Amino acid sequence: MLGTHTPTQKMLELHNATVTFSAPGGPLVRAVDGVSLTIPSGQFVVVIGTNGSGKSTLLGSIAGTVRLDGGSIHLAGHDITRWREDQRARLVGRVFQDPRAGTAASLTVLENIAVAACRGRRAGLSWATSRSLRAEAASRLGGIVPGLETRLDQPIGSLSGGQRQIVTLVMATWRRPDLLLLDEHTAALDPAAADRVVQATARLVREHNLTALMVTHSLAQAASLGDRLLLVHRGRIALDVHGAAKRRLSPDDLAFRFDRLRSADQLDEAAARSLSELYV
């Protein structure tokens, strides 16, 4: 059955996943370069990398917005490699960088939550906005941000960016997805709002024992959140740490690793220029 799994199950498996793009006026670029990865059920994985490293492309290939050129993806025991994005949505909850994405601005907060509650069910908004769902929505929202439960009948577009991301998080986790994808979901927020969304994220993942994959540009978030950290560079996983090693990581440690990768890139570019000059 979709949406059921055991605590020891391999929730997500990528085998030799490859995504290739054509650079304008240049050679083919492997944004995801033969990545193999296994994530067990209940693990919270944080993904970091420089701009253009392939981290968001990796997330998109799992969500179905980006098609693999090679390799395979299995999620919750299903081979989803050739599934469309809407088919994968039965298993995947997703929160985007833009707080406006994933919600309908003209609908109220409760109606947006109702859409999430109805996903996969043969029921309309009249059922979903019933007294019982209203009470549950108020409880979930108020438990995260006291006072937000009083905004149920207001258009979701009237909320601040941080409040809207909180609602989107609740929507994405309403029916406990097999995998929660978070694509730099605090990047567009001010620091205070970002901190509230981070706290809400950690709480929801913990309370629902979710399997989550979070892309972030924040080294502080990468060091403090999750059970496991992946550093993506040039489409490959350059660092994979978990357990005690993950807990010992600090933002300074990660900054040092980024500097080493940048230095290596500069050396590679200098070597390439030197070789090209030999054949001029």
Protein backbone atom coordinates (compact mmCIF):
# COMPACT_ATOMS: atom_id res chain seq x y z
CA MET A 1 0.00 0.00 0.00
CA LEU A 2 1.21 3.51 -0.79
CA GLY A 3 2.37 5.50 2.20
CA THR A 4 3.16 2.56 4.49
CA HIS A 5 6.62 1.51 5.55
CA THR A 6 8.60 0.02 8.39
CA PRO A 7 11.23 1.90 10.43
CA THR A 8 14.14 -0.08 8.93
CA GLN A 9 13.02 0.14 5.31
CA LYS A 10 15.20 1.74 2.64
CA MET A 11 12.93 4.64 1.81
CA LEU A 12 14.83 6.26 -1.08
CA GLU A 13 17.37 4.62 -3.37
CA LEU A 14 19.19 6.25 -6.28
CA HIS A 15 21.41 4.10 -8.46
CA ASN A 16 23.86 5.80 -10.83
CA ALA A 17 21.46 8.75 -11.29
CA THR A 18 22.61 11.01 -14.12
CA VAL A 19 21.24 14.29 -15.48
CA THR A 20 22.96 16.03 -18.40
CA PHE A 21 22.35 19.56 -19.64
CA SER A 22 23.59 21.35 -22.73
CA ALA A 23 25.45 24.50 -21.74
CA PRO A 24 24.71 27.41 -24.14
CA GLY A 25 27.55 27.48 -26.65
CA GLY A 26 29.51 24.96 -24.63
CA PRO A 27 29.86 21.24 -23.90
CA LEU A 28 27.41 18.92 -22.18
CA VAL A 29 27.39 19.33 -18.41
CA ARG A 30 26.53 16.56 -15.97
CA ALA A 31 24.48 18.33 -13.31
CA VAL A 32 23.99 14.98 -11.56
CA ASP A 33 26.92 12.69 -12.24
CA GLY A 34 26.27 9.02 -11.48
CA VAL A 35 24.92 9.53 -7.95
CA SER A 36 24.11 6.41 -5.94
CA LEU A 37 22.45 7.01 -2.61
CA THR A 38 20.36 5.12 -0.04
CA ILE A 39 18.28 6.91 2.59
CA PRO A 40 16.57 4.80 5.26
CA SER A 41 13.10 5.55 6.58
CA GLY A 42 12.99 8.32 9.15
CA GLN A 43 16.31 9.93 8.25
CA PHE A 44 16.59 13.72 7.94
CA VAL A 45 19.21 14.52 5.30
CA VAL A 46 20.57 18.03 4.67
CA VAL A 47 22.11 18.79 1.26
CA ILE A 48 24.53 21.67 0.68
CA GLY A 49 26.70 22.79 -2.23
CA THR A 50 27.90 25.84 -4.11
CA ASN A 51 25.76 27.46 -6.81
CA GLY A 52 25.68 25.17 -9.84
CA SER A 53 26.82 22.14 -7.83
CA GLY A 54 23.73 20.13 -8.81
CA LYS A 55 21.99 19.97 -5.45
CA SER A 56 18.67 21.43 -6.64
CA THR A 57 18.82 19.35 -9.83
CA LEU A 58 19.25 16.26 -7.65
CA LEU A 59 16.15 17.22 -5.68
CA GLY A 60 14.23 17.93 -8.89
CA SER A 61 15.12 14.52 -10.30
CA ILE A 62 13.58 12.90 -7.22
CA ALA A 63 10.46 15.08 -7.38
CA GLY A 64 10.02 14.41 -11.11
CA THR A 65 10.52 17.98 -12.38
CA VAL A 66 13.82 16.86 -13.92
CA ARG A 67 14.12 13.62 -15.90
CA LEU A 68 17.06 11.29 -15.47
CA ASP A 69 19.22 10.58 -18.50
CA GLY A 70 20.47 7.43 -16.81
CA GLY A 71 20.11 5.42 -13.63
CA SER A 72 17.07 4.72 -11.46
CA ILE A 73 15.10 5.98 -8.47
CA HIS A 74 13.14 3.82 -6.04
CA LEU A 75 10.90 5.33 -3.37
CA ALA A 76 8.97 3.39 -0.71
CA GLY A 77 9.47 0.17 -2.67
CA HIS A 78 8.29 1.63 -5.98
CA ASP A 79 10.41 2.17 -9.08
CA ILE A 80 9.46 5.79 -9.80
CA THR A 81 12.15 6.43 -12.44
CA ARG A 82 9.59 6.92 -15.21
CA TRP A 83 6.74 8.28 -13.06
CA ARG A 84 5.43 11.74 -13.85
CA GLU A 85 5.68 14.50 -11.25
CA ASP A 86 1.96 14.27 -10.41
CA GLN A 87 2.25 10.51 -9.87
CA ARG A 88 5.17 10.99 -7.49
CA ALA A 89 3.14 13.58 -5.58
CA ARG A 90 1.18 10.69 -4.03
CA LEU A 91 4.34 9.77 -2.16
CA VAL A 92 6.18 13.08 -1.93
CA GLY A 93 5.49 16.28 -0.01
CA ARG A 94 7.38 19.33 -1.23
CA VAL A 95 8.05 22.87 -0.02
CA PHE A 96 9.63 25.33 -2.46
CA GLN A 97 11.89 28.36 -2.02
CA ASP A 98 9.13 30.77 -3.03
CA PRO A 99 6.49 30.98 -0.25
CA ARG A 100 3.85 31.53 -2.96
CA ALA A 101 4.55 28.19 -4.64
CA GLY A 102 2.44 25.18 -3.74
CA THR A 103 -0.55 27.23 -2.56
CA ALA A 104 -3.47 29.05 -4.19
CA ALA A 105 -3.44 32.74 -3.23
CA SER A 106 -7.17 33.21 -3.85
CA LEU A 107 -8.17 30.42 -1.45
CA THR A 108 -8.31 30.78 2.30
CA VAL A 109 -5.79 29.13 4.60
CA LEU A 110 -8.35 26.43 5.48
CA GLU A 111 -9.24 25.82 1.82
CA ASN A 112 -5.55 25.38 0.96
CA ILE A 113 -5.19 22.89 3.80
CA ALA A 114 -8.35 21.16 2.56
CA VAL A 115 -6.74 20.64 -0.85
CA ALA A 116 -3.81 18.93 0.87
CA ALA A 117 -6.15 16.84 3.04
CA CYS A 118 -8.12 15.72 -0.03
CA ARG A 119 -5.08 14.64 -2.01
CA GLY A 120 -5.70 11.10 -3.20
CA ARG A 121 -9.26 11.00 -1.84
CA ARG A 122 -12.61 11.20 -3.59
CA ALA A 123 -13.92 14.15 -1.64
CA GLY A 124 -14.55 17.80 -2.30
CA LEU A 125 -13.82 20.96 -0.36
CA SER A 126 -17.23 20.84 1.33
CA TRP A 127 -16.15 17.69 3.17
CA ALA A 128 -12.63 18.91 3.75
CA THR A 129 -13.68 22.21 5.31
CA SER A 130 -15.91 20.43 7.80
CA ARG A 131 -15.87 21.18 11.53
CA SER A 132 -13.50 18.30 12.27
CA LEU A 133 -10.90 19.41 9.73
CA ARG A 134 -11.20 23.02 10.90
CA ALA A 135 -10.48 21.89 14.45
CA GLU A 136 -7.49 19.80 13.37
CA ALA A 137 -6.09 22.60 11.19
CA ALA A 138 -6.41 25.06 14.07
CA SER A 139 -4.68 22.63 16.41
CA ARG A 140 -1.77 21.97 14.05
CA LEU A 141 -1.18 25.60 13.10
CA GLY A 142 -1.67 26.97 16.60
CA GLY A 143 0.70 24.37 18.00
CA ILE A 144 3.47 25.72 15.79
CA VAL A 145 2.71 29.46 15.71
CA PRO A 146 0.19 30.57 18.36
CA GLY A 147 -2.34 32.89 16.74
CA LEU A 148 -1.99 31.48 13.24
CA GLU A 149 -5.08 29.34 13.86
CA THR A 150 -7.16 32.53 13.89
CA ARG A 151 -6.27 33.17 10.22
CA LEU A 152 -8.04 30.08 8.80
CA ASP A 153 -10.69 32.07 6.94
CA GLN A 154 -8.33 34.65 5.48
CA PRO A 155 -6.82 34.35 1.98
CA ILE A 156 -3.46 32.67 2.25
CA GLY A 157 -2.03 35.47 0.11
CA SER A 158 -2.61 37.87 3.02
CA LEU A 159 -0.08 36.04 5.22
CA SER A 160 3.57 36.99 5.55
CA GLY A 161 6.14 34.87 3.74
CA GLY A 162 7.14 33.08 6.92
CA GLN A 163 3.53 32.38 7.93
CA ARG A 164 2.77 31.09 4.45
CA GLN A 165 5.76 28.72 4.57
CA ILE A 166 4.51 27.38 7.92
CA VAL A 167 1.12 26.65 6.34
CA THR A 168 2.83 25.06 3.34
CA LEU A 169 4.85 22.84 5.67
CA VAL A 170 1.67 21.74 7.43
CA MET A 171 0.06 21.04 4.05
CA ALA A 172 3.06 19.05 2.79
CA THR A 173 3.09 16.87 5.91
CA TRP A 174 -0.67 16.64 6.48
CA ARG A 175 -0.93 13.05 5.27
CA ARG A 176 2.60 11.99 6.29
CA PRO A 177 4.37 11.67 2.94
CA ASP A 178 6.88 8.91 2.34
CA LEU A 179 9.41 11.62 1.50
CA LEU A 180 9.47 15.33 2.32
CA LEU A 181 11.50 17.52 -0.05
CA LEU A 182 12.55 20.98 1.13
CA ASP A 183 14.15 23.07 -1.62
CA GLU A 184 15.89 26.03 0.08
CA HIS A 185 12.54 26.76 1.72
CA THR A 186 13.92 29.54 3.97
CA ALA A 187 16.11 31.31 1.39
CA ALA A 188 13.52 34.00 0.56
CA LEU A 189 12.73 34.84 4.20
CA ASP A 190 14.19 37.36 6.60
CA PRO A 191 16.38 35.85 9.37
CA ALA A 192 13.66 35.88 12.06
CA ALA A 193 11.07 34.24 9.79
CA ALA A 194 13.66 31.75 8.52
CA ASP A 195 14.44 30.73 12.10
CA ARG A 196 10.74 30.13 12.85
CA VAL A 197 10.36 28.03 9.70
CA VAL A 198 13.50 26.02 10.57
CA GLN A 199 12.15 25.31 14.04
CA ALA A 200 8.79 24.27 12.59
CA THR A 201 10.54 22.03 10.08
CA ALA A 202 12.58 20.25 12.76
CA ARG A 203 9.48 19.80 14.90
CA LEU A 204 7.28 18.36 12.13
CA VAL A 205 10.01 15.99 10.90
CA ARG A 206 10.59 14.77 14.45
CA GLU A 207 6.93 14.45 15.47
CA HIS A 208 5.91 12.58 12.30
CA ASN A 209 9.18 10.60 12.01
CA LEU A 210 9.48 11.77 8.42
CA THR A 211 12.09 10.89 5.85
CA ALA A 212 13.25 14.31 4.68
CA LEU A 213 15.73 15.72 2.17
CA MET A 214 16.47 19.43 2.65
CA VAL A 215 18.57 21.59 0.33
CA THR A 216 19.94 24.71 2.03
CA HIS A 217 22.46 27.47 1.36
CA SER A 218 22.87 28.12 5.10
CA LEU A 219 25.92 26.51 6.72
CA ALA A 220 24.39 27.17 10.15
CA GLN A 221 21.27 25.18 9.19
CA ALA A 222 23.37 22.44 7.62
CA ALA A 223 25.42 22.04 10.80
CA SER A 224 22.51 22.15 13.26
CA LEU A 225 19.75 20.25 11.44
CA GLY A 226 19.29 16.66 10.41
CA ASP A 227 20.88 13.26 11.03
CA ARG A 228 23.03 13.27 7.89
CA LEU A 229 24.75 15.77 5.64
CA LEU A 230 25.58 15.53 1.94
CA LEU A 231 27.94 18.00 0.29
CA VAL A 232 27.35 18.04 -3.47
CA HIS A 233 30.05 19.28 -5.83
CA ARG A 234 30.12 19.10 -9.62
CA GLY A 235 27.12 16.78 -9.60
CA ARG A 236 28.70 14.28 -7.23
CA ILE A 237 28.52 13.64 -3.50
CA ALA A 238 31.82 14.97 -2.16
CA LEU A 239 31.01 14.42 1.52
CA ASP A 240 28.53 12.14 3.29
CA VAL A 241 28.52 12.27 7.10
CA HIS A 242 26.01 11.08 9.69
CA GLY A 243 25.74 10.10 13.32
CA ALA A 244 28.39 11.42 15.71
CA ALA A 245 30.46 12.85 12.84
CA LYS A 246 27.47 14.92 11.71
CA ARG A 247 26.80 16.17 15.24
CA ARG A 248 30.39 17.36 15.55
CA LEU A 249 30.22 19.49 12.39
CA SER A 250 30.22 23.25 12.82
CA PRO A 251 29.57 26.01 10.28
CA ASP A 252 33.31 26.74 10.33
CA ASP A 253 34.08 23.10 9.44
CA LEU A 254 31.76 23.32 6.45
CA ALA A 255 33.16 26.68 5.37
CA PHE A 256 36.66 25.14 5.43
CA ARG A 257 35.50 22.25 3.22
CA PHE A 258 33.91 24.69 0.78
CA ASP A 259 37.17 26.64 0.58
CA ARG A 260 39.11 23.45 -0.18
CA LEU A 261 36.72 22.57 -2.99
CA ARG A 262 36.98 26.07 -4.48
CA SER A 263 40.77 25.92 -4.28
CA ALA A 264 40.76 22.55 -6.05
CA ASP A 265 38.53 24.00 -8.77
CA GLN A 266 40.92 26.90 -9.29
CA LEU A 267 43.85 24.51 -9.56
CA ASP A 268 41.95 22.40 -12.10
CA GLU A 269 41.16 25.49 -14.17
CA ALA A 270 44.77 26.70 -14.02
CA ALA A 271 46.02 23.26 -15.10
CA ALA A 272 43.56 23.21 -17.98
CA ARG A 273 44.75 26.63 -19.16
CA SER A 274 48.39 25.51 -18.95
CA LEU A 275 47.67 22.41 -21.01
CA SER A 276 45.81 24.41 -23.63
CA GLU A 277 48.73 26.83 -23.93
CA LEU A 278 51.09 23.93 -24.66
CA TYR A 279 49.17 23.17 -27.84
CA VAL A 280 48.74 26.70 -29.14
